[in-house]
Amino acid sequence: MSHYQHPSAIVDEGAQIGEGSRIWHFVHVCAGARIGKAVSLGQNVFVGNTVAIGDNCKVQNNVSIYDDVTLEEGVFCGPSMVFTNVYNPRALVERKHEYRPTLVKKGASLGANCTVVCGVVIGEFAFVGAGAVVNKDVAPYALMVGVPARQVGWMSEFGTRLRLPLTGNGRAICPDTNEHYILENGCLRKDTAI
């Protein structure tokens, strides 16, 4: 076995799990799940059938990743954060054909107890604060807080808040890595020319 699986974990036959991944206590991974390399699934995590988890993701305790959720490489899911896959659920109405896909892009962080309402895209290296409720797309590098979540700043790839306006133009340097960032017309990107 190229990954570690705690004896209490259930991994259904057919699930794909990458080398070096760790599956801890009371995890359930459904048969259709695709999990990359060096992924950590904390205690009591559930992974649905049509879920894809990229390499080097960290999913903390008590997170359920339901069908039609995709996590790209290096996504962090904080303890007890929540994904949904139906926008208007009812116990008495079957809505499995109405799943709305959710995409969390490379390097994004989802804080403890936040909620991600289905059908959104969370941009690269975005940072969703603890307890926030995301109900619309999130820009790359955006710092989101509150209910509903609103953007209050920008974050570096290292996870440090950058001193930049929310809109307009500007430049910033991450104090931890000395990497340069450019804000143009309200969109942030890393300056790879330096």
N, C-alpha and C. Protein backbone atom coordinates (compact mmCIF):
# COMPACT_ATOMS: atom_id res chain seq x y z
N MET A 1 0.85 -1.18 0.00
CA MET A 1 0.00 0.00 0.00
C MET A 1 0.89 1.24 0.00
N SER A 2 0.64 2.14 -0.92
CA SER A 2 1.48 3.32 -1.05
C SER A 2 0.98 4.51 -0.23
N HIS A 3 -0.08 4.28 0.54
CA HIS A 3 -0.60 5.33 1.42
C HIS A 3 -0.89 4.71 2.79
N TYR A 4 -1.05 5.57 3.80
CA TYR A 4 -1.40 5.09 5.13
C TYR A 4 -2.91 5.20 5.32
N GLN A 5 -3.48 4.14 5.89
CA GLN A 5 -4.91 4.12 6.19
C GLN A 5 -5.11 3.58 7.60
N HIS A 6 -5.70 4.38 8.48
CA HIS A 6 -5.99 3.92 9.84
C HIS A 6 -6.98 2.77 9.78
N PRO A 7 -6.86 1.80 10.68
CA PRO A 7 -7.77 0.64 10.66
C PRO A 7 -9.25 1.00 10.76
N SER A 8 -9.60 2.12 11.36
CA SER A 8 -11.01 2.49 11.48
C SER A 8 -11.56 3.18 10.23
N ALA A 9 -10.70 3.54 9.28
CA ALA A 9 -11.13 4.22 8.06
C ALA A 9 -11.75 3.21 7.10
N ILE A 10 -12.73 3.69 6.32
CA ILE A 10 -13.37 2.87 5.29
C ILE A 10 -13.06 3.51 3.94
N VAL A 11 -12.38 2.75 3.08
CA VAL A 11 -12.10 3.20 1.72
C VAL A 11 -12.77 2.19 0.80
N ASP A 12 -13.82 2.64 0.10
CA ASP A 12 -14.56 1.74 -0.77
C ASP A 12 -13.70 1.31 -1.96
N GLU A 13 -13.91 0.07 -2.40
CA GLU A 13 -13.18 -0.46 -3.53
C GLU A 13 -13.41 0.40 -4.76
N GLY A 14 -12.32 0.75 -5.43
CA GLY A 14 -12.40 1.60 -6.61
C GLY A 14 -11.88 3.00 -6.39
N ALA A 15 -11.83 3.44 -5.14
CA ALA A 15 -11.30 4.77 -4.85
C ALA A 15 -9.83 4.82 -5.24
N GLN A 16 -9.41 5.94 -5.81
CA GLN A 16 -8.01 6.13 -6.20
C GLN A 16 -7.34 7.04 -5.18
N ILE A 17 -6.27 6.53 -4.58
CA ILE A 17 -5.56 7.29 -3.54
C ILE A 17 -4.08 7.34 -3.88
N GLY A 18 -3.53 8.55 -3.94
CA GLY A 18 -2.15 8.74 -4.35
C GLY A 18 -1.14 8.35 -3.30
N GLU A 19 0.06 8.17 -3.77
CA GLU A 19 1.18 7.77 -2.93
C GLU A 19 1.44 8.80 -1.83
N GLY A 20 1.72 8.30 -0.63
CA GLY A 20 2.07 9.16 0.49
C GLY A 20 0.90 9.83 1.17
N SER A 21 -0.32 9.55 0.74
CA SER A 21 -1.49 10.13 1.39
C SER A 21 -1.75 9.45 2.72
N ARG A 22 -2.39 10.18 3.64
CA ARG A 22 -2.68 9.66 4.98
C ARG A 22 -4.16 9.81 5.26
N ILE A 23 -4.79 8.70 5.62
CA ILE A 23 -6.23 8.65 5.88
C ILE A 23 -6.41 8.25 7.34
N TRP A 24 -6.91 9.17 8.15
CA TRP A 24 -6.93 8.97 9.59
C TRP A 24 -8.24 8.37 10.09
N HIS A 25 -8.46 8.42 11.38
CA HIS A 25 -9.55 7.75 12.08
C HIS A 25 -10.93 8.08 11.51
N PHE A 26 -11.75 7.07 11.32
CA PHE A 26 -13.18 7.19 10.99
C PHE A 26 -13.45 7.96 9.69
N VAL A 27 -12.50 7.94 8.76
CA VAL A 27 -12.70 8.55 7.44
C VAL A 27 -13.48 7.58 6.57
N HIS A 28 -14.34 8.11 5.70
CA HIS A 28 -15.01 7.29 4.68
C HIS A 28 -14.75 7.91 3.32
N VAL A 29 -14.12 7.14 2.43
CA VAL A 29 -13.85 7.55 1.06
C VAL A 29 -14.68 6.67 0.14
N CYS A 30 -15.56 7.28 -0.65
CA CYS A 30 -16.44 6.53 -1.55
C CYS A 30 -15.68 6.03 -2.78
N ALA A 31 -16.26 5.04 -3.45
CA ALA A 31 -15.60 4.30 -4.53
C ALA A 31 -15.13 5.16 -5.69
N GLY A 32 -15.85 6.20 -6.04
CA GLY A 32 -15.50 7.01 -7.20
C GLY A 32 -14.53 8.14 -6.92
N ALA A 33 -14.13 8.33 -5.69
CA ALA A 33 -13.26 9.45 -5.32
C ALA A 33 -11.87 9.30 -5.94
N ARG A 34 -11.30 10.44 -6.31
CA ARG A 34 -9.92 10.48 -6.81
C ARG A 34 -9.12 11.42 -5.91
N ILE A 35 -8.14 10.85 -5.21
CA ILE A 35 -7.34 11.59 -4.24
C ILE A 35 -5.89 11.54 -4.67
N GLY A 36 -5.24 12.71 -4.71
CA GLY A 36 -3.87 12.81 -5.20
C GLY A 36 -2.83 12.33 -4.20
N LYS A 37 -1.59 12.71 -4.49
CA LYS A 37 -0.44 12.32 -3.68
C LYS A 37 -0.29 13.23 -2.47
N ALA A 38 0.22 12.67 -1.38
CA ALA A 38 0.57 13.42 -0.16
C ALA A 38 -0.60 14.23 0.38
N VAL A 39 -1.81 13.68 0.31
CA VAL A 39 -3.02 14.31 0.86
C VAL A 39 -3.22 13.81 2.28
N SER A 40 -3.65 14.69 3.18
CA SER A 40 -3.98 14.30 4.54
C SER A 40 -5.48 14.49 4.76
N LEU A 41 -6.16 13.40 5.12
CA LEU A 41 -7.58 13.44 5.46
C LEU A 41 -7.70 13.20 6.96
N GLY A 42 -8.06 14.22 7.72
CA GLY A 42 -8.14 14.15 9.17
C GLY A 42 -9.30 13.29 9.66
N GLN A 43 -9.40 13.18 10.95
CA GLN A 43 -10.42 12.34 11.59
C GLN A 43 -11.83 12.73 11.15
N ASN A 44 -12.66 11.72 10.85
CA ASN A 44 -14.09 11.89 10.56
C ASN A 44 -14.35 12.69 9.27
N VAL A 45 -13.49 12.54 8.28
CA VAL A 45 -13.69 13.17 6.97
C VAL A 45 -14.50 12.24 6.09
N PHE A 46 -15.41 12.82 5.29
CA PHE A 46 -16.17 12.06 4.29
C PHE A 46 -15.81 12.60 2.92
N VAL A 47 -15.56 11.68 1.95
CA VAL A 47 -15.24 12.06 0.58
C VAL A 47 -16.21 11.35 -0.35
N GLY A 48 -17.01 12.09 -1.09
CA GLY A 48 -18.04 11.54 -1.96
C GLY A 48 -17.49 10.90 -3.23
N ASN A 49 -18.40 10.33 -4.03
CA ASN A 49 -18.05 9.59 -5.24
C ASN A 49 -17.47 10.45 -6.35
N THR A 50 -18.04 11.60 -6.59
CA THR A 50 -17.58 12.44 -7.70
C THR A 50 -16.77 13.61 -7.17
N VAL A 51 -15.80 13.28 -6.33
CA VAL A 51 -14.91 14.26 -5.73
C VAL A 51 -13.51 14.04 -6.26
N ALA A 52 -12.81 15.12 -6.58
CA ALA A 52 -11.40 15.06 -6.96
C ALA A 52 -10.62 15.95 -6.01
N ILE A 53 -9.57 15.39 -5.42
CA ILE A 53 -8.71 16.11 -4.48
C ILE A 53 -7.29 16.06 -5.04
N GLY A 54 -6.69 17.23 -5.27
CA GLY A 54 -5.36 17.30 -5.85
C GLY A 54 -4.26 16.97 -4.86
N ASP A 55 -3.05 16.90 -5.37
CA ASP A 55 -1.88 16.59 -4.55
C ASP A 55 -1.71 17.63 -3.43
N ASN A 56 -1.16 17.17 -2.32
CA ASN A 56 -0.74 18.03 -1.21
C ASN A 56 -1.86 18.82 -0.55
N CYS A 57 -3.09 18.34 -0.63
CA CYS A 57 -4.19 18.99 0.09
C CYS A 57 -4.21 18.53 1.53
N LYS A 58 -4.69 19.40 2.42
CA LYS A 58 -4.87 19.05 3.82
C LYS A 58 -6.32 19.30 4.20
N VAL A 59 -7.01 18.22 4.57
CA VAL A 59 -8.42 18.30 4.95
C VAL A 59 -8.47 17.97 6.44
N GLN A 60 -8.79 18.96 7.26
CA GLN A 60 -8.78 18.78 8.71
C GLN A 60 -10.02 18.02 9.19
N ASN A 61 -10.09 17.76 10.48
CA ASN A 61 -11.15 16.93 11.07
C ASN A 61 -12.55 17.44 10.75
N ASN A 62 -13.47 16.49 10.61
CA ASN A 62 -14.92 16.75 10.52
C ASN A 62 -15.34 17.53 9.27
N VAL A 63 -14.68 17.30 8.14
CA VAL A 63 -15.06 17.94 6.88
C VAL A 63 -15.70 16.90 5.98
N SER A 64 -16.85 17.23 5.40
CA SER A 64 -17.49 16.37 4.40
C SER A 64 -17.35 17.03 3.04
N ILE A 65 -16.73 16.31 2.11
CA ILE A 65 -16.55 16.81 0.75
C ILE A 65 -17.53 16.04 -0.12
N TYR A 66 -18.63 16.68 -0.46
CA TYR A 66 -19.72 16.02 -1.16
C TYR A 66 -19.50 15.97 -2.66
N ASP A 67 -20.34 15.19 -3.36
CA ASP A 67 -20.23 15.03 -4.80
C ASP A 67 -20.15 16.38 -5.51
N ASP A 68 -19.35 16.39 -6.58
CA ASP A 68 -19.16 17.53 -7.47
C ASP A 68 -18.33 18.65 -6.86
N VAL A 69 -17.52 18.32 -5.85
CA VAL A 69 -16.55 19.27 -5.31
C VAL A 69 -15.16 18.86 -5.83
N THR A 70 -14.41 19.84 -6.34
CA THR A 70 -13.05 19.60 -6.81
C THR A 70 -12.11 20.51 -6.04
N LEU A 71 -11.06 19.92 -5.47
CA LEU A 71 -10.00 20.67 -4.81
C LEU A 71 -8.74 20.51 -5.65
N GLU A 72 -8.20 21.61 -6.13
CA GLU A 72 -6.94 21.53 -6.88
C GLU A 72 -5.78 21.35 -5.89
N GLU A 73 -4.58 21.38 -6.40
CA GLU A 73 -3.38 21.13 -5.60
C GLU A 73 -3.25 22.10 -4.44
N GLY A 74 -2.85 21.58 -3.29
CA GLY A 74 -2.47 22.41 -2.16
C GLY A 74 -3.58 23.18 -1.48
N VAL A 75 -4.80 22.68 -1.54
CA VAL A 75 -5.91 23.34 -0.86
C VAL A 75 -5.93 22.93 0.61
N PHE A 76 -6.21 23.90 1.50
CA PHE A 76 -6.35 23.64 2.93
C PHE A 76 -7.82 23.81 3.31
N CYS A 77 -8.39 22.77 3.92
CA CYS A 77 -9.76 22.81 4.44
C CYS A 77 -9.68 22.74 5.96
N GLY A 78 -10.04 23.83 6.64
CA GLY A 78 -9.95 23.90 8.08
C GLY A 78 -10.97 23.03 8.79
N PRO A 79 -10.78 22.80 10.09
CA PRO A 79 -11.65 21.92 10.86
C PRO A 79 -13.12 22.32 10.76
N SER A 80 -13.95 21.33 10.48
CA SER A 80 -15.42 21.47 10.48
C SER A 80 -15.96 22.46 9.47
N MET A 81 -15.15 22.81 8.44
CA MET A 81 -15.72 23.66 7.38
C MET A 81 -16.71 22.82 6.58
N VAL A 82 -17.60 23.49 5.82
CA VAL A 82 -18.73 22.82 5.20
C VAL A 82 -18.80 23.11 3.70
N PHE A 83 -18.98 22.06 2.91
CA PHE A 83 -19.34 22.19 1.49
C PHE A 83 -20.80 21.79 1.34
N THR A 84 -21.48 22.38 0.35
CA THR A 84 -22.82 21.91 -0.01
C THR A 84 -22.78 21.53 -1.48
N ASN A 85 -23.81 20.83 -1.96
CA ASN A 85 -23.87 20.55 -3.40
C ASN A 85 -25.26 20.76 -3.99
N VAL A 86 -26.25 21.07 -3.17
CA VAL A 86 -27.59 21.42 -3.64
C VAL A 86 -27.92 22.79 -3.08
N TYR A 87 -28.42 23.68 -3.93
CA TYR A 87 -28.66 25.06 -3.51
C TYR A 87 -29.90 25.20 -2.64
N ASN A 88 -30.95 24.43 -2.93
CA ASN A 88 -32.21 24.55 -2.19
C ASN A 88 -32.72 23.17 -1.75
N PRO A 89 -32.02 22.52 -0.81
CA PRO A 89 -32.37 21.15 -0.44
C PRO A 89 -33.69 21.05 0.32
N ARG A 90 -34.38 19.94 0.07
CA ARG A 90 -35.57 19.54 0.81
C ARG A 90 -35.48 18.03 1.01
N ALA A 91 -35.81 17.57 2.19
CA ALA A 91 -35.79 16.13 2.45
C ALA A 91 -36.81 15.40 1.59
N LEU A 92 -37.91 16.04 1.27
CA LEU A 92 -38.99 15.39 0.53
C LEU A 92 -38.90 15.57 -0.98
N VAL A 93 -37.85 16.26 -1.47
CA VAL A 93 -37.69 16.48 -2.91
C VAL A 93 -36.33 15.95 -3.33
N GLU A 94 -36.30 15.02 -4.28
CA GLU A 94 -35.05 14.46 -4.79
C GLU A 94 -34.38 15.47 -5.72
N ARG A 95 -33.13 15.87 -5.40
CA ARG A 95 -32.46 16.90 -6.20
C ARG A 95 -31.04 16.48 -6.60
N LYS A 96 -30.76 15.18 -6.65
CA LYS A 96 -29.40 14.75 -7.02
C LYS A 96 -29.02 15.18 -8.43
N HIS A 97 -30.00 15.39 -9.29
CA HIS A 97 -29.73 15.85 -10.65
C HIS A 97 -29.48 17.36 -10.70
N GLU A 98 -29.59 18.04 -9.57
CA GLU A 98 -29.40 19.49 -9.52
C GLU A 98 -28.10 19.90 -8.81
N TYR A 99 -27.19 18.95 -8.61
CA TYR A 99 -25.93 19.30 -7.97
C TYR A 99 -25.25 20.44 -8.73
N ARG A 100 -24.70 21.39 -7.97
CA ARG A 100 -23.95 22.48 -8.57
C ARG A 100 -22.47 22.27 -8.23
N PRO A 101 -21.61 22.20 -9.24
CA PRO A 101 -20.19 21.93 -8.97
C PRO A 101 -19.50 23.09 -8.27
N THR A 102 -18.57 22.74 -7.40
CA THR A 102 -17.75 23.72 -6.68
C THR A 102 -16.30 23.44 -7.00
N LEU A 103 -15.54 24.48 -7.32
CA LEU A 103 -14.13 24.35 -7.64
C LEU A 103 -13.32 25.24 -6.71
N VAL A 104 -12.37 24.62 -6.01
CA VAL A 104 -11.45 25.36 -5.15
C VAL A 104 -10.08 25.25 -5.81
N LYS A 105 -9.54 26.37 -6.25
CA LYS A 105 -8.32 26.36 -7.04
C LYS A 105 -7.06 26.27 -6.18
N LYS A 106 -5.96 26.05 -6.85
CA LYS A 106 -4.65 25.78 -6.25
C LYS A 106 -4.32 26.73 -5.11
N GLY A 107 -3.90 26.15 -3.98
CA GLY A 107 -3.35 26.91 -2.88
C GLY A 107 -4.33 27.65 -2.00
N ALA A 108 -5.63 27.56 -2.29
CA ALA A 108 -6.62 28.30 -1.49
C ALA A 108 -6.73 27.72 -0.08
N SER A 109 -7.09 28.56 0.88
CA SER A 109 -7.31 28.14 2.27
C SER A 109 -8.74 28.45 2.68
N LEU A 110 -9.40 27.46 3.27
CA LEU A 110 -10.78 27.59 3.74
C LEU A 110 -10.75 27.44 5.25
N GLY A 111 -11.02 28.51 5.99
CA GLY A 111 -10.87 28.53 7.43
C GLY A 111 -11.86 27.66 8.18
N ALA A 112 -11.55 27.40 9.44
CA ALA A 112 -12.38 26.56 10.30
C ALA A 112 -13.82 27.07 10.32
N ASN A 113 -14.75 26.13 10.22
CA ASN A 113 -16.18 26.42 10.32
C ASN A 113 -16.73 27.34 9.24
N CYS A 114 -15.99 27.59 8.17
CA CYS A 114 -16.57 28.36 7.07
C CYS A 114 -17.52 27.47 6.29
N THR A 115 -18.40 28.08 5.50
CA THR A 115 -19.34 27.35 4.65
C THR A 115 -19.16 27.82 3.22
N VAL A 116 -19.06 26.86 2.30
CA VAL A 116 -18.96 27.17 0.88
C VAL A 116 -20.24 26.68 0.22
N VAL A 117 -21.10 27.63 -0.18
CA VAL A 117 -22.35 27.29 -0.85
C VAL A 117 -22.02 26.82 -2.27
N CYS A 118 -22.68 25.77 -2.71
CA CYS A 118 -22.34 25.12 -3.99
C CYS A 118 -22.45 26.07 -5.18
N GLY A 119 -21.69 25.71 -6.23
CA GLY A 119 -21.75 26.45 -7.48
C GLY A 119 -20.77 27.59 -7.61
N VAL A 120 -19.80 27.69 -6.71
CA VAL A 120 -18.84 28.79 -6.76
C VAL A 120 -17.46 28.30 -7.17
N VAL A 121 -16.64 29.25 -7.59
CA VAL A 121 -15.22 29.02 -7.85
C VAL A 121 -14.44 29.89 -6.88
N ILE A 122 -13.55 29.26 -6.14
CA ILE A 122 -12.67 29.98 -5.22
C ILE A 122 -11.30 30.02 -5.87
N GLY A 123 -10.81 31.24 -6.13
CA GLY A 123 -9.59 31.44 -6.91
C GLY A 123 -8.32 30.98 -6.23
N GLU A 124 -7.26 30.92 -7.03
CA GLU A 124 -5.95 30.50 -6.56
C GLU A 124 -5.50 31.33 -5.35
N PHE A 125 -5.03 30.65 -4.34
CA PHE A 125 -4.45 31.26 -3.15
C PHE A 125 -5.37 32.22 -2.42
N ALA A 126 -6.68 32.13 -2.68
CA ALA A 126 -7.64 32.90 -1.90
C ALA A 126 -7.62 32.40 -0.46
N PHE A 127 -8.11 33.24 0.44
CA PHE A 127 -8.10 32.90 1.87
C PHE A 127 -9.47 33.24 2.45
N VAL A 128 -10.21 32.21 2.84
CA VAL A 128 -11.54 32.38 3.42
C VAL A 128 -11.41 32.26 4.93
N GLY A 129 -11.77 33.31 5.65
CA GLY A 129 -11.62 33.34 7.10
C GLY A 129 -12.55 32.38 7.83
N ALA A 130 -12.20 32.08 9.06
CA ALA A 130 -13.00 31.18 9.89
C ALA A 130 -14.42 31.70 10.03
N GLY A 131 -15.39 30.80 9.83
CA GLY A 131 -16.79 31.14 10.03
C GLY A 131 -17.46 31.89 8.89
N ALA A 132 -16.73 32.23 7.84
CA ALA A 132 -17.30 32.97 6.72
C ALA A 132 -18.27 32.08 5.94
N VAL A 133 -19.21 32.71 5.23
CA VAL A 133 -20.14 31.98 4.36
C VAL A 133 -19.94 32.51 2.93
N VAL A 134 -19.36 31.66 2.08
CA VAL A 134 -19.07 32.04 0.70
C VAL A 134 -20.25 31.63 -0.16
N ASN A 135 -20.89 32.62 -0.82
CA ASN A 135 -22.04 32.32 -1.69
C ASN A 135 -21.86 32.90 -3.09
N LYS A 136 -20.64 33.33 -3.42
CA LYS A 136 -20.35 33.80 -4.78
C LYS A 136 -18.87 33.55 -5.05
N ASP A 137 -18.48 33.65 -6.32
CA ASP A 137 -17.09 33.39 -6.70
C ASP A 137 -16.13 34.29 -5.93
N VAL A 138 -14.93 33.76 -5.70
CA VAL A 138 -13.90 34.48 -4.95
C VAL A 138 -12.70 34.68 -5.87
N ALA A 139 -12.19 35.89 -5.92
CA ALA A 139 -11.05 36.21 -6.79
C ALA A 139 -9.77 35.57 -6.27
N PRO A 140 -8.81 35.29 -7.17
CA PRO A 140 -7.51 34.81 -6.71
C PRO A 140 -6.90 35.78 -5.70
N TYR A 141 -6.28 35.24 -4.67
CA TYR A 141 -5.57 35.98 -3.62
C TYR A 141 -6.48 36.80 -2.70
N ALA A 142 -7.79 36.74 -2.87
CA ALA A 142 -8.70 37.56 -2.07
C ALA A 142 -8.79 37.04 -0.64
N LEU A 143 -8.87 37.95 0.32
CA LEU A 143 -9.13 37.63 1.72
C LEU A 143 -10.61 37.90 1.98
N MET A 144 -11.35 36.85 2.35
CA MET A 144 -12.80 36.92 2.51
C MET A 144 -13.17 36.64 3.97
N VAL A 145 -14.06 37.47 4.54
CA VAL A 145 -14.54 37.25 5.90
C VAL A 145 -16.02 37.61 5.98
N GLY A 146 -16.70 37.09 7.00
CA GLY A 146 -18.05 37.53 7.30
C GLY A 146 -19.15 36.66 6.73
N VAL A 147 -20.39 37.08 7.06
CA VAL A 147 -21.61 36.39 6.64
C VAL A 147 -22.56 37.41 6.04
N PRO A 148 -22.81 37.40 4.74
CA PRO A 148 -22.08 36.60 3.74
C PRO A 148 -20.65 37.13 3.60
N ALA A 149 -19.78 36.30 3.04
CA ALA A 149 -18.37 36.68 2.93
C ALA A 149 -18.21 37.88 2.01
N ARG A 150 -17.34 38.79 2.44
CA ARG A 150 -17.00 39.95 1.62
C ARG A 150 -15.48 40.10 1.64
N GLN A 151 -14.96 40.67 0.57
CA GLN A 151 -13.51 40.82 0.48
C GLN A 151 -13.05 42.00 1.32
N VAL A 152 -12.02 41.75 2.16
CA VAL A 152 -11.46 42.81 3.01
C VAL A 152 -9.99 43.06 2.74
N GLY A 153 -9.40 42.28 1.82
CA GLY A 153 -7.98 42.47 1.54
C GLY A 153 -7.47 41.44 0.56
N TRP A 154 -6.12 41.38 0.50
CA TRP A 154 -5.42 40.47 -0.40
C TRP A 154 -4.39 39.68 0.40
N MET A 155 -4.12 38.43 -0.03
CA MET A 155 -3.15 37.56 0.66
C MET A 155 -2.07 37.11 -0.32
N SER A 156 -0.86 36.95 0.19
CA SER A 156 0.23 36.40 -0.62
C SER A 156 0.09 34.88 -0.69
N GLU A 157 0.87 34.25 -1.55
CA GLU A 157 0.87 32.79 -1.63
C GLU A 157 1.37 32.18 -0.32
N PHE A 158 2.15 32.90 0.43
CA PHE A 158 2.67 32.43 1.71
C PHE A 158 1.61 32.48 2.81
N GLY A 159 0.56 33.26 2.59
CA GLY A 159 -0.50 33.40 3.58
C GLY A 159 -0.36 34.63 4.45
N THR A 160 0.29 35.66 3.92
CA THR A 160 0.47 36.92 4.62
C THR A 160 -0.39 37.99 3.96
N ARG A 161 -1.05 38.81 4.78
CA ARG A 161 -1.87 39.89 4.23
C ARG A 161 -0.99 40.94 3.58
N LEU A 162 -1.39 41.36 2.38
CA LEU A 162 -0.64 42.36 1.63
C LEU A 162 -1.27 43.73 1.83
N ARG A 163 -0.45 44.75 1.83
CA ARG A 163 -0.94 46.12 2.00
C ARG A 163 -1.28 46.70 0.63
N LEU A 164 -2.52 46.49 0.24
CA LEU A 164 -3.00 46.95 -1.06
C LEU A 164 -4.46 47.40 -0.93
N PRO A 165 -4.89 48.34 -1.79
CA PRO A 165 -6.31 48.68 -1.80
C PRO A 165 -7.12 47.51 -2.38
N LEU A 166 -8.42 47.48 -2.12
CA LEU A 166 -9.26 46.41 -2.68
C LEU A 166 -9.39 46.53 -4.19
N THR A 167 -9.45 47.75 -4.70
CA THR A 167 -9.62 47.96 -6.13
C THR A 167 -8.53 48.88 -6.65
N GLY A 168 -8.52 49.08 -7.94
CA GLY A 168 -7.54 49.98 -8.53
C GLY A 168 -6.26 49.27 -8.86
N ASN A 169 -5.15 50.01 -8.69
CA ASN A 169 -3.83 49.49 -9.05
C ASN A 169 -2.87 49.67 -7.89
N GLY A 170 -1.84 48.84 -7.85
CA GLY A 170 -0.84 48.96 -6.81
C GLY A 170 0.17 47.84 -6.89
N ARG A 171 1.17 47.93 -6.03
CA ARG A 171 2.20 46.89 -5.94
C ARG A 171 2.44 46.60 -4.47
N ALA A 172 2.80 45.35 -4.18
CA ALA A 172 3.12 44.97 -2.80
C ALA A 172 4.19 43.90 -2.83
N ILE A 173 4.92 43.81 -1.71
CA ILE A 173 5.94 42.78 -1.53
C ILE A 173 5.56 41.98 -0.29
N CYS A 174 5.53 40.65 -0.42
CA CYS A 174 5.28 39.81 0.75
C CYS A 174 6.47 39.92 1.69
N PRO A 175 6.26 40.34 2.95
CA PRO A 175 7.39 40.52 3.87
C PRO A 175 8.06 39.21 4.26
N ASP A 176 7.39 38.09 4.05
CA ASP A 176 7.97 36.80 4.43
C ASP A 176 8.80 36.16 3.33
N THR A 177 8.47 36.43 2.07
CA THR A 177 9.15 35.77 0.96
C THR A 177 9.82 36.74 -0.01
N ASN A 178 9.54 38.03 0.12
CA ASN A 178 10.02 39.06 -0.81
C ASN A 178 9.49 38.89 -2.22
N GLU A 179 8.42 38.11 -2.39
CA GLU A 179 7.79 37.99 -3.70
C GLU A 179 6.96 39.24 -3.97
N HIS A 180 6.92 39.65 -5.23
CA HIS A 180 6.24 40.87 -5.64
C HIS A 180 4.87 40.54 -6.23
N TYR A 181 3.90 41.40 -5.93
CA TYR A 181 2.53 41.25 -6.42
C TYR A 181 2.09 42.54 -7.08
N ILE A 182 1.29 42.40 -8.14
CA ILE A 182 0.79 43.55 -8.89
C ILE A 182 -0.73 43.52 -8.88
N LEU A 183 -1.34 44.64 -8.50
CA LEU A 183 -2.78 44.80 -8.55
C LEU A 183 -3.09 45.71 -9.74
N GLU A 184 -3.84 45.17 -10.71
CA GLU A 184 -4.22 45.92 -11.89
C GLU A 184 -5.72 45.80 -12.10
N ASN A 185 -6.39 46.94 -12.09
CA ASN A 185 -7.84 46.97 -12.30
C ASN A 185 -8.58 46.01 -11.36
N GLY A 186 -8.15 45.95 -10.12
CA GLY A 186 -8.83 45.13 -9.12
C GLY A 186 -8.52 43.65 -9.18
N CYS A 187 -7.52 43.24 -9.99
CA CYS A 187 -7.11 41.83 -10.07
C CYS A 187 -5.66 41.72 -9.64
N LEU A 188 -5.39 40.79 -8.72
CA LEU A 188 -4.04 40.62 -8.19
C LEU A 188 -3.36 39.43 -8.85
N ARG A 189 -2.06 39.61 -9.13
CA ARG A 189 -1.24 38.51 -9.65
C ARG A 189 0.17 38.64 -9.11
N LYS A 190 0.87 37.51 -9.07
CA LYS A 190 2.26 37.53 -8.65
C LYS A 190 3.11 38.00 -9.82
N ASP A 191 4.08 38.86 -9.53
CA ASP A 191 4.99 39.35 -10.57
C ASP A 191 6.12 38.35 -10.73
N THR A 192 6.07 37.57 -11.78
CA THR A 192 7.08 36.53 -11.99
C THR A 192 8.27 37.05 -12.80
N ALA A 193 8.22 38.30 -13.23
CA ALA A 193 9.30 38.87 -14.01
C ALA A 193 10.49 39.26 -13.14
N ILE A 194 10.30 39.31 -11.83
CA ILE A 194 11.38 39.75 -10.92
C ILE A 194 12.14 38.54 -10.42
